[in-house]
Amino acid sequence: MNTMASASILLVEDNPMEVDLTIRAFARRMVTTTVVVARDGQEALDFFHRWDIGEPLPSVILLDLKLPKVDGLEVLRQLKTHVMYRVIPVVVLTSSQEDRDINAAYELGANSYIVKPVDFDRFSEIVALIDTYWSALNYAPARDDLIEVNNL
């Protein structure tokens, strides 16, 4: 059974200014989706345990690549190889325009790659589009259906 994605976004970002900018952009656009923040790669991976005990999966993960402890590409690799969590959409939202980062992100299963714009108005527009698509329009698989399929 397909259900609408849960109304939360996991933002994986270590820069406090970028976290603040993103949250302000969501607020400016009056986005009501809950934004949960992981401030490094290890903290992002720790969410697996929270999801294992029934915390709702986010509708999308916004993932920076340059993170302390565990870099964003490793977070993406672990997420996309996990039987239950590989279905969570991941939007890489980073300042890197390097071809090797873009290629690596897509090879590891990123659903989208967006370079953070410097202009706040443009960034706000992008945030609103991300929220509209992944939190309001996109249908995600139901968690119970995933468990049944993976137990076959």
Protein backbone atom coordinates (compact mmCIF):
# COMPACT_ATOMS: atom_id res chain seq x y z
CA MET A 1 0.00 0.00 0.00
CA ASN A 2 1.38 3.40 -0.97
CA THR A 3 1.02 6.19 1.54
CA MET A 4 2.07 9.80 1.53
CA ALA A 5 5.54 10.32 2.89
CA SER A 6 5.87 11.33 6.50
CA ALA A 7 6.12 15.03 7.10
CA SER A 8 9.69 15.38 8.28
CA ILE A 9 12.99 16.23 6.69
CA LEU A 10 16.35 15.09 8.01
CA LEU A 11 18.92 17.83 7.40
CA VAL A 12 22.48 16.54 7.67
CA GLU A 13 24.62 19.65 7.97
CA ASP A 14 27.54 20.51 10.24
CA ASN A 15 27.77 24.25 9.60
CA PRO A 16 25.54 26.08 12.14
CA MET A 17 25.12 29.01 9.73
CA GLU A 18 23.91 26.66 6.97
CA VAL A 19 21.53 24.96 9.41
CA ASP A 20 20.13 28.35 10.41
CA LEU A 21 19.89 29.44 6.77
CA THR A 22 17.99 26.29 5.83
CA ILE A 23 15.57 26.54 8.75
CA ARG A 24 15.00 30.24 7.99
CA ALA A 25 14.36 29.37 4.34
CA PHE A 26 11.74 26.82 5.37
CA ALA A 27 10.15 29.32 7.78
CA ARG A 28 10.18 32.07 5.17
CA ARG A 29 8.24 29.85 2.80
CA MET A 30 5.89 28.89 5.66
CA VAL A 31 6.76 25.24 5.20
CA THR A 32 5.18 23.27 8.01
CA THR A 33 7.31 20.17 7.60
CA THR A 34 9.38 19.33 10.66
CA VAL A 35 13.12 19.70 10.07
CA VAL A 36 15.30 17.43 12.19
CA VAL A 37 19.04 18.15 12.18
CA ALA A 38 22.00 15.78 12.32
CA ARG A 39 25.16 17.85 12.78
CA ASP A 40 27.69 15.30 11.52
CA GLY A 41 27.78 12.05 9.60
CA GLN A 42 27.83 9.82 12.65
CA GLU A 43 24.78 11.55 14.08
CA ALA A 44 23.02 10.90 10.75
CA LEU A 45 23.89 7.20 10.94
CA ASP A 46 22.61 7.10 14.54
CA PHE A 47 19.14 7.77 13.16
CA PHE A 48 19.09 4.15 11.91
CA HIS A 49 18.64 3.04 15.54
CA ARG A 50 15.80 5.50 16.06
CA TRP A 51 14.06 4.26 12.92
CA ASP A 52 14.62 0.65 14.02
CA ILE A 53 12.49 1.25 17.11
CA GLY A 54 9.66 2.82 15.15
CA GLU A 55 10.40 6.52 14.79
CA PRO A 56 8.88 7.61 11.45
CA LEU A 57 11.18 7.71 8.47
CA PRO A 58 11.79 11.17 7.04
CA SER A 59 10.18 12.02 3.73
CA VAL A 60 13.59 13.12 2.45
CA ILE A 61 17.16 13.55 3.65
CA LEU A 62 19.05 16.72 2.73
CA LEU A 63 22.67 15.66 2.87
CA ASP A 64 25.80 17.79 2.83
CA LEU A 65 28.92 15.98 1.64
CA LYS A 66 31.64 17.62 3.69
CA LEU A 67 30.89 16.40 7.21
CA PRO A 68 32.98 15.62 10.29
CA LYS A 69 33.29 12.09 11.73
CA VAL A 70 31.69 10.35 8.72
CA ASP A 71 31.56 12.12 5.36
CA GLY A 72 28.35 12.51 3.40
CA LEU A 73 29.26 9.97 0.73
CA GLU A 74 29.78 7.30 3.40
CA VAL A 75 26.45 8.21 5.01
CA LEU A 76 24.83 7.85 1.59
CA ARG A 77 26.56 4.51 0.96
CA GLN A 78 25.42 3.06 4.28
CA LEU A 79 21.88 4.36 3.86
CA LYS A 80 21.48 3.04 0.32
CA THR A 81 22.84 -0.41 1.18
CA HIS A 82 20.53 -0.81 4.18
CA VAL A 83 17.60 -3.07 3.38
CA MET A 84 15.01 -0.85 5.10
CA TYR A 85 16.34 2.66 4.62
CA ARG A 86 17.55 2.62 1.04
CA VAL A 87 14.10 3.78 -0.08
CA ILE A 88 14.43 7.12 1.73
CA PRO A 89 15.06 9.79 -0.92
CA VAL A 90 18.35 11.62 -0.52
CA VAL A 91 18.93 15.07 -1.96
CA VAL A 92 22.57 16.02 -1.81
CA LEU A 93 22.54 19.71 -0.92
CA THR A 94 26.12 20.88 -0.92
CA SER A 95 28.49 23.58 -2.10
CA SER A 96 30.61 21.14 -4.12
CA GLN A 97 30.37 21.39 -7.89
CA GLU A 98 33.12 18.81 -8.38
CA ASP A 99 32.30 16.21 -11.04
CA ARG A 100 33.78 13.46 -8.86
CA ASP A 101 31.39 14.35 -6.00
CA ILE A 102 28.39 14.56 -8.32
CA ASN A 103 29.23 11.25 -10.00
CA ALA A 104 29.97 9.51 -6.70
CA ALA A 105 26.71 10.71 -5.17
CA TYR A 106 24.63 9.37 -8.05
CA GLU A 107 26.59 6.11 -8.17
CA LEU A 108 25.80 5.61 -4.48
CA GLY A 109 22.09 6.19 -5.03
CA ALA A 110 21.42 9.90 -4.50
CA ASN A 111 18.03 10.91 -5.85
CA SER A 112 19.10 14.47 -6.62
CA TYR A 113 22.17 16.69 -6.42
CA ILE A 114 21.73 20.40 -5.79
CA VAL A 115 24.49 22.95 -5.39
CA LYS A 116 23.58 25.43 -2.67
CA PRO A 117 22.99 28.83 -4.21
CA VAL A 118 24.66 31.80 -2.55
CA ASP A 119 21.55 33.98 -2.91
CA PHE A 120 19.12 33.51 0.01
CA ASP A 121 16.01 34.16 -2.12
CA ARG A 122 17.04 31.47 -4.60
CA PHE A 123 17.92 29.11 -1.75
CA SER A 124 14.45 29.70 -0.25
CA GLU A 125 12.84 28.81 -3.58
CA ILE A 126 14.84 25.59 -3.78
CA VAL A 127 13.91 24.63 -0.23
CA ALA A 128 10.22 25.19 -0.97
CA LEU A 129 10.44 23.04 -4.11
CA ILE A 130 12.21 20.26 -2.24
CA ASP A 131 9.55 20.29 0.45
CA THR A 132 6.66 20.43 -2.01
CA TYR A 133 7.94 17.55 -4.07
CA TRP A 134 9.31 15.15 -1.43
CA SER A 135 6.92 15.92 1.44
CA ALA A 136 3.66 16.72 -0.33
CA LEU A 137 3.65 15.14 -3.81
CA ASN A 138 5.86 12.08 -3.61
CA TYR A 139 4.42 8.76 -2.46
CA ALA A 140 6.74 6.63 -0.38
CA PRO A 141 6.39 2.94 0.41
CA ALA A 142 4.66 2.12 3.68
CA ARG A 143 7.04 0.90 6.37
CA ASP A 144 4.95 -2.25 7.00
CA ASP A 145 5.05 -3.12 3.30
CA LEU A 146 8.84 -2.84 3.33
CA ILE A 147 9.08 -5.24 6.23
CA GLU A 148 6.85 -7.78 4.46
CA VAL A 149 8.83 -7.58 1.20
CA ASN A 150 12.16 -7.90 2.99
CA ASN A 151 10.98 -10.97 4.93
CA LEU A 152 10.03 -12.90 1.78
